[in-house]
Amino acid sequence: MHDLLRVVLEVLGLLVAVDPSLSGSALTVALLALAVLTLALLATAVHAGTRGAAPHPTRRIELTAPLAQSDPDAAGHVRRRGPGQVTAAA
C-alpha cells in the first residue's frame, strides 16, 4: 500500500523521486538555480517596497497633457483657472 501511494504521488508531481544515480553536479546545479531564484524574488520584493505607490495615471496626465475637449464645461473635464486666466462672469 505504501508503494502504491508513493507511485501515485510521484505521477501527480507532488513527490519528487530522488534517483540514487543522480550525480553530485546535477544536484549542485539544481541548488544554484534555486539560490538564484530566491535572490531574484528577494530583489524584486525589496524594489517594490522602496518604490512606493504609483500615482493614478489619469491624474498625472490631466495636469500635463489635457485631452481634446468638445465641451469644456462637461462633467469630468479639467477646469484650469490659474491667476493668469479670467473667466467670463455671465
Protein backbone atom coordinates (compact mmCIF):
# COMPACT_ATOMS: atom_id res chain seq x y z
CA MET A 1 0.00 0.00 0.00
CA HIS A 2 2.85 2.40 0.83
CA ASP A 3 4.46 1.79 -2.57
CA LEU A 4 1.20 2.45 -4.40
CA LEU A 5 0.73 5.76 -2.58
CA ARG A 6 4.29 6.76 -3.41
CA VAL A 7 3.79 5.96 -7.12
CA VAL A 8 0.55 7.98 -7.23
CA LEU A 9 2.22 10.98 -5.59
CA GLU A 10 5.16 10.75 -7.99
CA VAL A 11 2.85 10.63 -11.00
CA LEU A 12 0.92 13.67 -9.76
CA GLY A 13 4.19 15.52 -9.21
CA LEU A 14 3.57 16.03 -5.51
CA LEU A 15 6.52 13.91 -4.55
CA VAL A 16 9.80 14.08 -6.39
CA ALA A 17 11.55 10.79 -6.66
CA VAL A 18 15.26 11.15 -5.99
CA ASP A 19 17.23 8.94 -8.29
CA PRO A 20 20.15 7.31 -6.48
CA SER A 21 22.24 7.60 -9.64
CA LEU A 22 21.81 11.39 -9.63
CA SER A 23 25.26 12.86 -9.84
CA GLY A 24 26.54 15.48 -7.45
CA SER A 25 26.98 18.04 -10.23
CA ALA A 26 23.30 17.89 -11.22
CA LEU A 27 22.31 18.41 -7.60
CA THR A 28 24.71 21.36 -7.38
CA VAL A 29 23.20 22.94 -10.50
CA ALA A 30 19.70 22.49 -9.08
CA LEU A 31 20.70 24.11 -5.78
CA LEU A 32 22.37 27.03 -7.57
CA ALA A 33 19.26 27.59 -9.68
CA LEU A 34 17.15 27.61 -6.52
CA ALA A 35 19.52 30.13 -4.91
CA VAL A 36 19.38 32.44 -7.95
CA LEU A 37 15.58 32.25 -8.00
CA THR A 38 15.44 33.10 -4.30
CA LEU A 39 17.75 36.10 -4.75
CA ALA A 40 15.70 37.36 -7.70
CA LEU A 41 12.48 37.14 -5.70
CA LEU A 42 14.06 38.96 -2.76
CA ALA A 43 15.42 41.72 -5.01
CA THR A 44 12.00 42.18 -6.61
CA ALA A 45 10.30 42.37 -3.22
CA VAL A 46 12.80 44.92 -1.89
CA HIS A 47 12.50 47.06 -5.03
CA ALA A 48 8.70 47.01 -4.88
CA GLY A 49 8.79 48.01 -1.23
CA THR A 50 11.05 51.02 -1.75
CA ARG A 51 9.34 52.25 -4.91
CA GLY A 52 6.08 53.20 -3.21
CA ALA A 53 2.69 53.57 -4.78
CA ALA A 54 2.48 54.91 -8.32
CA PRO A 55 0.20 57.91 -8.87
CA HIS A 56 -3.10 57.37 -10.62
CA PRO A 57 -2.39 57.56 -14.37
CA THR A 58 -5.24 59.90 -15.29
CA ARG A 59 -4.39 62.35 -12.54
CA ARG A 60 -0.84 62.56 -13.80
CA ILE A 61 -1.95 63.04 -17.42
CA GLU A 62 -4.63 65.67 -16.68
CA LEU A 63 -2.15 68.21 -15.41
CA THR A 64 0.42 67.82 -18.17
CA ALA A 65 -1.45 66.97 -21.36
CA PRO A 66 -5.18 67.75 -21.41
CA LEU A 67 -7.28 65.71 -23.79
CA ALA A 68 -9.23 67.39 -26.57
CA GLN A 69 -12.48 68.68 -25.13
CA SER A 70 -15.65 69.09 -27.15
CA ASP A 71 -17.44 70.78 -24.25
CA PRO A 72 -15.08 72.29 -21.67
CA ASP A 73 -17.88 72.59 -19.10
CA ALA A 74 -18.83 68.91 -19.34
CA ALA A 75 -18.50 66.79 -16.23
CA GLY A 76 -15.12 65.16 -15.83
CA HIS A 77 -13.14 67.79 -17.71
CA VAL A 78 -10.38 69.73 -16.02
CA ARG A 79 -11.03 73.41 -15.50
CA ARG A 80 -7.77 75.27 -15.23
CA ARG A 81 -8.30 78.64 -13.61
CA GLY A 82 -4.98 79.99 -12.63
CA PRO A 83 -4.01 83.57 -11.76
CA GLY A 84 -3.44 84.42 -15.43
CA GLN A 85 -6.86 83.28 -16.63
CA VAL A 86 -10.07 85.23 -16.24
CA THR A 87 -13.42 83.52 -16.66
CA ALA A 88 -16.48 85.28 -18.01
CA ALA A 89 -18.92 86.42 -15.33
CA ALA A 90 -22.02 85.69 -17.39
